[in-house]
Amino acid sequence: MMTVITHVTLTPGREPEWDAAMRDRLETARGKEGWIGNQLVIPLDAPHERTVIGTWSTRAAWEAWHADDAFLETRERMEGLQEGPSEMSWYEVVSDERA
């Protein structure tokens, strides 16, 4: 199991538009093969930043989702809404405990 954590800084004033597109994007992931879960979080001290935490069975499953038409549609909607490129880190999940 793999978790990818992506940090982005949004263009001030464009947060609601980006959030809506990201919620749509994450909803499309729900039914994809290999999807386990995701979260979209906002740091309490940085309202223009977002962190997306996605967990997939394999990195290949995540990559396949990135070629999906629904993913590509949200990419178009989100262009120009963030300042600079995203920062992404991959992690192998050792333990996953949830309620």
C-alpha atoms as a PDB file:
ATOM      1  CA  MET A   1       0.000   0.000   0.000  1.00  0.00           C
ATOM      2  CA  MET A   2       1.282   3.479  -0.907  1.00  0.00           C
ATOM      3  CA  THR A   3       0.403   6.970   0.324  1.00  0.00           C
ATOM      4  CA  VAL A   4       1.137  10.070  -1.710  1.00  0.00           C
ATOM      5  CA  ILE A   5       1.146  13.460   0.015  1.00  0.00           C
ATOM      6  CA  THR A   6       0.866  16.541  -2.167  1.00  0.00           C
ATOM      7  CA  HIS A   7       1.306  20.120  -0.912  1.00  0.00           C
ATOM      8  CA  VAL A   8       0.053  23.095  -2.916  1.00  0.00           C
ATOM      9  CA  THR A   9      -0.128  26.850  -2.388  1.00  0.00           C
ATOM     10  CA  LEU A  10      -3.215  28.430  -3.898  1.00  0.00           C
ATOM     11  CA  THR A  11      -3.682  31.802  -5.516  1.00  0.00           C
ATOM     12  CA  PRO A  12      -5.372  34.022  -2.886  1.00  0.00           C
ATOM     13  CA  GLY A  13      -9.097  34.319  -3.578  1.00  0.00           C
ATOM     14  CA  ARG A  14      -9.209  31.170  -5.717  1.00  0.00           C
ATOM     15  CA  GLU A  15      -9.405  28.698  -2.815  1.00  0.00           C
ATOM     16  CA  PRO A  16     -13.159  27.914  -3.123  1.00  0.00           C
ATOM     17  CA  GLU A  17     -12.831  27.175  -6.844  1.00  0.00           C
ATOM     18  CA  TRP A  18      -9.776  24.942  -6.324  1.00  0.00           C
ATOM     19  CA  ASP A  19     -11.408  23.157  -3.373  1.00  0.00           C
ATOM     20  CA  ALA A  20     -14.533  22.388  -5.420  1.00  0.00           C
ATOM     21  CA  ALA A  21     -12.488  20.984  -8.293  1.00  0.00           C
ATOM     22  CA  MET A  22     -10.375  18.904  -5.909  1.00  0.00           C
ATOM     23  CA  ARG A  23     -13.459  17.515  -4.150  1.00  0.00           C
ATOM     24  CA  ASP A  24     -14.792  16.482  -7.581  1.00  0.00           C
ATOM     25  CA  ARG A  25     -11.423  14.921  -8.437  1.00  0.00           C
ATOM     26  CA  LEU A  26     -11.255  12.965  -5.190  1.00  0.00           C
ATOM     27  CA  GLU A  27     -14.820  11.731  -5.667  1.00  0.00           C
ATOM     28  CA  THR A  28     -13.866  10.293  -9.077  1.00  0.00           C
ATOM     29  CA  ALA A  29     -11.023   8.372  -7.421  1.00  0.00           C
ATOM     30  CA  ARG A  30     -13.465   6.561  -5.139  1.00  0.00           C
ATOM     31  CA  GLY A  31     -14.447   3.943  -7.707  1.00  0.00           C
ATOM     32  CA  LYS A  32     -11.048   3.412  -9.299  1.00  0.00           C
ATOM     33  CA  GLU A  33      -9.182   0.150  -8.991  1.00  0.00           C
ATOM     34  CA  GLY A  34      -6.576   0.371  -6.259  1.00  0.00           C
ATOM     35  CA  TRP A  35      -8.086   3.393  -4.471  1.00  0.00           C
ATOM     36  CA  ILE A  36      -8.115   3.034  -0.686  1.00  0.00           C
ATOM     37  CA  GLY A  37      -8.813   6.542   0.621  1.00  0.00           C
ATOM     38  CA  ASN A  38      -7.991  10.225   0.521  1.00  0.00           C
ATOM     39  CA  GLN A  39      -8.109  13.424   2.552  1.00  0.00           C
ATOM     40  CA  LEU A  40      -7.953  17.101   1.658  1.00  0.00           C
ATOM     41  CA  VAL A  41      -6.640  19.193   4.564  1.00  0.00           C
ATOM     42  CA  ILE A  42      -5.915  22.880   5.224  1.00  0.00           C
ATOM     43  CA  PRO A  43      -3.145  23.909   7.652  1.00  0.00           C
ATOM     44  CA  LEU A  44      -4.620  26.018  10.455  1.00  0.00           C
ATOM     45  CA  ASP A  45      -1.857  28.615  10.070  1.00  0.00           C
ATOM     46  CA  ALA A  46      -1.813  28.713   6.245  1.00  0.00           C
ATOM     47  CA  PRO A  47      -5.295  29.175   4.710  1.00  0.00           C
ATOM     48  CA  HIS A  48      -3.897  29.450   1.152  1.00  0.00           C
ATOM     49  CA  GLU A  49      -2.231  26.038   1.356  1.00  0.00           C
ATOM     50  CA  ARG A  50      -3.698  22.577   0.859  1.00  0.00           C
ATOM     51  CA  THR A  51      -2.396  19.081   1.454  1.00  0.00           C
ATOM     52  CA  VAL A  52      -3.881  16.105  -0.347  1.00  0.00           C
ATOM     53  CA  ILE A  53      -3.271  12.684   1.201  1.00  0.00           C
ATOM     54  CA  GLY A  54      -4.112   9.742  -1.021  1.00  0.00           C
ATOM     55  CA  THR A  55      -3.698   6.054  -0.309  1.00  0.00           C
ATOM     56  CA  TRP A  56      -3.617   3.489  -3.113  1.00  0.00           C
ATOM     57  CA  SER A  57      -2.844  -0.195  -3.346  1.00  0.00           C
ATOM     58  CA  THR A  58       0.043   0.561  -5.721  1.00  0.00           C
ATOM     59  CA  ARG A  59       1.664   3.534  -7.367  1.00  0.00           C
ATOM     60  CA  ALA A  60       0.654   2.036 -10.729  1.00  0.00           C
ATOM     61  CA  ALA A  61      -3.026   2.279  -9.707  1.00  0.00           C
ATOM     62  CA  TRP A  62      -2.540   5.961  -8.838  1.00  0.00           C
ATOM     63  CA  GLU A  63      -0.798   6.560 -12.178  1.00  0.00           C
ATOM     64  CA  ALA A  64      -3.643   4.867 -14.076  1.00  0.00           C
ATOM     65  CA  TRP A  65      -6.125   7.192 -12.358  1.00  0.00           C
ATOM     66  CA  HIS A  66      -4.082  10.168 -13.554  1.00  0.00           C
ATOM     67  CA  ALA A  67      -4.740   9.096 -17.143  1.00  0.00           C
ATOM     68  CA  ASP A  68      -8.512   8.938 -16.534  1.00  0.00           C
ATOM     69  CA  ASP A  69     -10.703  11.472 -18.388  1.00  0.00           C
ATOM     70  CA  ALA A  70     -12.355  12.658 -15.159  1.00  0.00           C
ATOM     71  CA  PHE A  71      -8.960  13.380 -13.616  1.00  0.00           C
ATOM     72  CA  LEU A  72      -7.822  15.260 -16.708  1.00  0.00           C
ATOM     73  CA  GLU A  73     -11.014  17.361 -16.692  1.00  0.00           C
ATOM     74  CA  THR A  74     -10.332  18.558 -13.156  1.00  0.00           C
ATOM     75  CA  ARG A  75      -6.719  19.300 -14.093  1.00  0.00           C
ATOM     76  CA  GLU A  76      -8.032  21.762 -16.702  1.00  0.00           C
ATOM     77  CA  ARG A  77     -10.350  23.386 -14.140  1.00  0.00           C
ATOM     78  CA  MET A  78      -7.506  23.754 -11.627  1.00  0.00           C
ATOM     79  CA  GLU A  79      -4.924  25.278 -13.958  1.00  0.00           C
ATOM     80  CA  GLY A  80      -3.992  28.787 -12.886  1.00  0.00           C
ATOM     81  CA  LEU A  81      -5.502  28.387  -9.400  1.00  0.00           C
ATOM     82  CA  GLN A  82      -2.257  27.598  -7.610  1.00  0.00           C
ATOM     83  CA  GLU A  83       0.982  29.469  -7.124  1.00  0.00           C
ATOM     84  CA  GLY A  84       3.825  27.371  -8.425  1.00  0.00           C
ATOM     85  CA  PRO A  85       4.119  23.621  -8.780  1.00  0.00           C
ATOM     86  CA  SER A  86       2.862  21.017  -6.341  1.00  0.00           C
ATOM     87  CA  GLU A  87       5.284  19.257  -4.004  1.00  0.00           C
ATOM     88  CA  MET A  88       4.736  15.507  -3.846  1.00  0.00           C
ATOM     89  CA  SER A  89       6.159  12.794  -1.575  1.00  0.00           C
ATOM     90  CA  TRP A  90       5.556   9.033  -1.656  1.00  0.00           C
ATOM     91  CA  TYR A  91       5.422   6.728   1.364  1.00  0.00           C
ATOM     92  CA  GLU A  92       5.104   2.990   1.791  1.00  0.00           C
ATOM     93  CA  VAL A  93       2.387   2.327   4.350  1.00  0.00           C
ATOM     94  CA  VAL A  94       3.647   0.183   7.212  1.00  0.00           C
ATOM     95  CA  SER A  95       0.498   0.357   9.331  1.00  0.00           C
ATOM     96  CA  ASP A  96      -2.968   1.807   8.697  1.00  0.00           C
ATOM     97  CA  GLU A  97      -5.273   1.919  11.731  1.00  0.00           C
ATOM     98  CA  ARG A  98      -8.660   3.622  11.477  1.00  0.00           C
ATOM     99  CA  ALA A  99     -11.844   3.694  13.511  1.00  0.00           C
END
